[in-house]
C-alpha atoms as a PDB file:
ATOM      1  CA  MET A   1      10.328  -5.153-117.880  1.00  0.00           C
ATOM      2  CA  GLU A   2      13.234  -7.266-119.021  1.00  0.00           C
ATOM      3  CA  THR A   3      15.716  -4.837-117.490  1.00  0.00           C
ATOM      4  CA  ILE A   4      13.782  -4.016-114.332  1.00  0.00           C
ATOM      5  CA  LEU A   5      13.160  -7.575-113.108  1.00  0.00           C
ATOM      6  CA  PRO A   6      16.846  -8.521-112.720  1.00  0.00           C
ATOM      7  CA  LEU A   7      17.465  -5.262-110.834  1.00  0.00           C
ATOM      8  CA  LEU A   8      14.559  -5.943-108.485  1.00  0.00           C
ATOM      9  CA  ILE A   9      15.843  -9.450-107.839  1.00  0.00           C
ATOM     10  CA  GLN A  10      19.335  -8.111-107.121  1.00  0.00           C
ATOM     11  CA  VAL A  11      17.989  -5.488-104.702  1.00  0.00           C
ATOM     12  CA  ILE A  12      15.732  -7.922-102.851  1.00  0.00           C
ATOM     13  CA  ALA A  13      18.386 -10.638-102.702  1.00  0.00           C
ATOM     14  CA  GLY A  14      20.933  -8.083-101.496  1.00  0.00           C
ATOM     15  CA  GLY A  15      18.609  -7.010 -98.682  1.00  0.00           C
ATOM     16  CA  ILE A  16      18.134 -10.629 -97.671  1.00  0.00           C
ATOM     17  CA  GLY A  17      21.882 -11.226 -97.791  1.00  0.00           C
ATOM     18  CA  GLY A  18      22.539  -8.133 -95.693  1.00  0.00           C
ATOM     19  CA  ASN A  19      20.084  -9.204 -93.008  1.00  0.00           C
ATOM     20  CA  GLY A  20      21.421 -12.767 -93.092  1.00  0.00           C
ATOM     21  CA  VAL A  21      24.969 -11.612 -92.449  1.00  0.00           C
ATOM     22  CA  ALA A  22      23.761  -9.343 -89.656  1.00  0.00           C
ATOM     23  CA  LEU A  23      22.082 -12.310 -87.969  1.00  0.00           C
ATOM     24  CA  ALA A  24      25.277 -14.325 -88.225  1.00  0.00           C
ATOM     25  CA  MET A  25      27.571 -11.464 -87.154  1.00  0.00           C
ATOM     26  CA  LYS A  26      25.805  -9.577 -84.356  1.00  0.00           C
ATOM     27  CA  LYS A  27      28.580  -6.961 -84.106  1.00  0.00           C
ATOM     28  CA  ALA A  28      28.209  -6.165 -87.808  1.00  0.00           C
ATOM     29  CA  SER A  29      24.492  -5.398 -87.512  1.00  0.00           C
ATOM     30  CA  LEU A  30      23.387  -1.931 -88.586  1.00  0.00           C
ATOM     31  CA  GLY A  31      19.767  -2.400 -87.521  1.00  0.00           C
ATOM     32  CA  THR A  32      17.127  -3.961 -89.726  1.00  0.00           C
ATOM     33  CA  MET A  33      16.674  -0.928 -91.950  1.00  0.00           C
ATOM     34  CA  GLY A  34      20.420  -0.284 -92.251  1.00  0.00           C
ATOM     35  CA  ASN A  35      21.136  -3.929 -93.068  1.00  0.00           C
ATOM     36  CA  THR A  36      18.434  -3.906 -95.723  1.00  0.00           C
ATOM     37  CA  ILE A  37      19.568  -0.663 -97.365  1.00  0.00           C
ATOM     38  CA  ILE A  38      23.272  -1.519 -97.364  1.00  0.00           C
ATOM     39  CA  GLY A  39      22.437  -5.048 -98.517  1.00  0.00           C
ATOM     40  CA  ALA A  40      20.318  -3.728-101.395  1.00  0.00           C
ATOM     41  CA  ILE A  41      23.138  -1.448-102.520  1.00  0.00           C
ATOM     42  CA  GLY A  42      25.565  -4.345-102.229  1.00  0.00           C
ATOM     43  CA  GLY A  43      23.194  -6.531-104.230  1.00  0.00           C
ATOM     44  CA  LEU A  44      23.288  -4.137-107.147  1.00  0.00           C
ATOM     45  CA  GLY A  45      27.032  -3.657-106.830  1.00  0.00           C
ATOM     46  CA  GLY A  46      27.750  -7.355-106.454  1.00  0.00           C
ATOM     47  CA  ALA A  47      25.857  -8.218-109.599  1.00  0.00           C
ATOM     48  CA  ALA A  48      27.549  -5.418-111.535  1.00  0.00           C
ATOM     49  CA  LEU A  49      30.962  -6.462-110.243  1.00  0.00           C
ATOM     50  CA  THR A  50      30.325 -10.090-111.154  1.00  0.00           C
ATOM     51  CA  GLY A  51      29.446  -9.097-114.697  1.00  0.00           C
ATOM     52  CA  ALA A  52      32.461  -6.813-114.996  1.00  0.00           C
ATOM     53  CA  VAL A  53      35.050  -9.194-113.554  1.00  0.00           C
ATOM     54  CA  ALA A  54      33.831 -12.548-114.824  1.00  0.00           C
ATOM     55  CA  GLY A  55      32.329 -11.259-118.058  1.00  0.00           C
ATOM     56  CA  PRO A  56      28.738 -10.512-118.912  1.00  0.00           C
ATOM     57  CA  ASP A  57      28.090 -14.024-120.245  1.00  0.00           C
ATOM     58  CA  THR A  58      29.096 -15.774-117.021  1.00  0.00           C
ATOM     59  CA  LEU A  59      25.673 -15.762-115.374  1.00  0.00           C
ATOM     60  CA  VAL A  60      23.610 -15.857-118.564  1.00  0.00           C
ATOM     61  CA  GLY A  61      22.994 -19.582-118.233  1.00  0.00           C
ATOM     62  CA  LEU A  62      21.620 -19.121-114.740  1.00  0.00           C
ATOM     63  CA  GLY A  63      19.272 -16.320-115.747  1.00  0.00           C
ATOM     64  CA  LEU A  64      17.429 -14.714-112.861  1.00  0.00           C
ATOM     65  CA  ALA A  65      18.916 -17.208-110.411  1.00  0.00           C
ATOM     66  CA  GLY A  66      22.356 -15.807-111.243  1.00  0.00           C
ATOM     67  CA  ASP A  67      21.093 -12.311-110.503  1.00  0.00           C
ATOM     68  CA  GLY A  68      19.762 -13.545-107.185  1.00  0.00           C
ATOM     69  CA  ILE A  69      22.948 -15.325-106.227  1.00  0.00           C
ATOM     70  CA  SER A  70      25.202 -12.406-107.096  1.00  0.00           C
ATOM     71  CA  GLY A  71      22.841  -9.995-105.324  1.00  0.00           C
ATOM     72  CA  LEU A  72      22.710 -12.184-102.216  1.00  0.00           C
ATOM     73  CA  VAL A  73      26.482 -12.466-101.990  1.00  0.00           C
ATOM     74  CA  GLY A  74      27.097  -8.795-102.813  1.00  0.00           C
ATOM     75  CA  GLY A  75      24.587  -7.642-100.207  1.00  0.00           C
ATOM     76  CA  GLY A  76      26.069  -9.888 -97.557  1.00  0.00           C
ATOM     77  CA  VAL A  77      29.636  -8.858 -98.268  1.00  0.00           C
ATOM     78  CA  LEU A  78      28.924  -5.116 -98.266  1.00  0.00           C
ATOM     79  CA  THR A  79      26.892  -5.349 -95.056  1.00  0.00           C
ATOM     80  CA  ALA A  80      29.700  -7.276 -93.359  1.00  0.00           C
ATOM     81  CA  ILE A  81      32.297  -4.720 -94.460  1.00  0.00           C
ATOM     82  CA  VAL A  82      30.243  -1.694 -93.395  1.00  0.00           C
ATOM     83  CA  GLY A  83      29.262  -3.363 -90.118  1.00  0.00           C
ATOM     84  CA  VAL A  84      32.837  -4.239 -89.197  1.00  0.00           C
ATOM     85  CA  VAL A  85      34.062  -0.739 -90.067  1.00  0.00           C
ATOM     86  CA  LYS A  86      31.262   0.794 -87.984  1.00  0.00           C
ATOM     87  CA  SER A  87      32.097  -1.497 -85.076  1.00  0.00           C
ATOM     88  CA  MET A  88      35.799  -0.583 -85.279  1.00  0.00           C
ATOM     89  CA  MET A  89      34.993   3.127 -85.429  1.00  0.00           C
ATOM     90  CA  ALA A  90      32.736   2.836 -82.370  1.00  0.00           C
ATOM     91  CA  LYS A  91      35.459   0.958 -80.519  1.00  0.00           C
ATOM     92  CA  ASN A  92      38.013   3.687 -81.338  1.00  0.00           C
ATOM     93  CA  ALA A  93      35.588   6.413 -80.283  1.00  0.00           C
ATOM     94  CA  GLU A  94      35.271   4.827 -76.812  1.00  0.00           C
ATOM     95  CA  LYS A  95      39.007   5.144 -76.184  1.00  0.00           C
END
């Protein structure tokens, strides 16, 4: 359970971050389900990237809150990137 709980927090926080970014950036929205899925993937990736770049001990003091923060940011960033790319591809397809 000690390894599953941080992953669940990262996935849930990533989904929340993805939907939050989509609300703020209407053109980056992928639909509720798309925002949630891409956000969840970004939540896992963001937490893994934070541990790899900053070192595994960086978020240890924050515990589960650190997992949530990194998941939230990772989910938001990945959703914004995918949404902007999708928007640009749709714009190019119209031409």
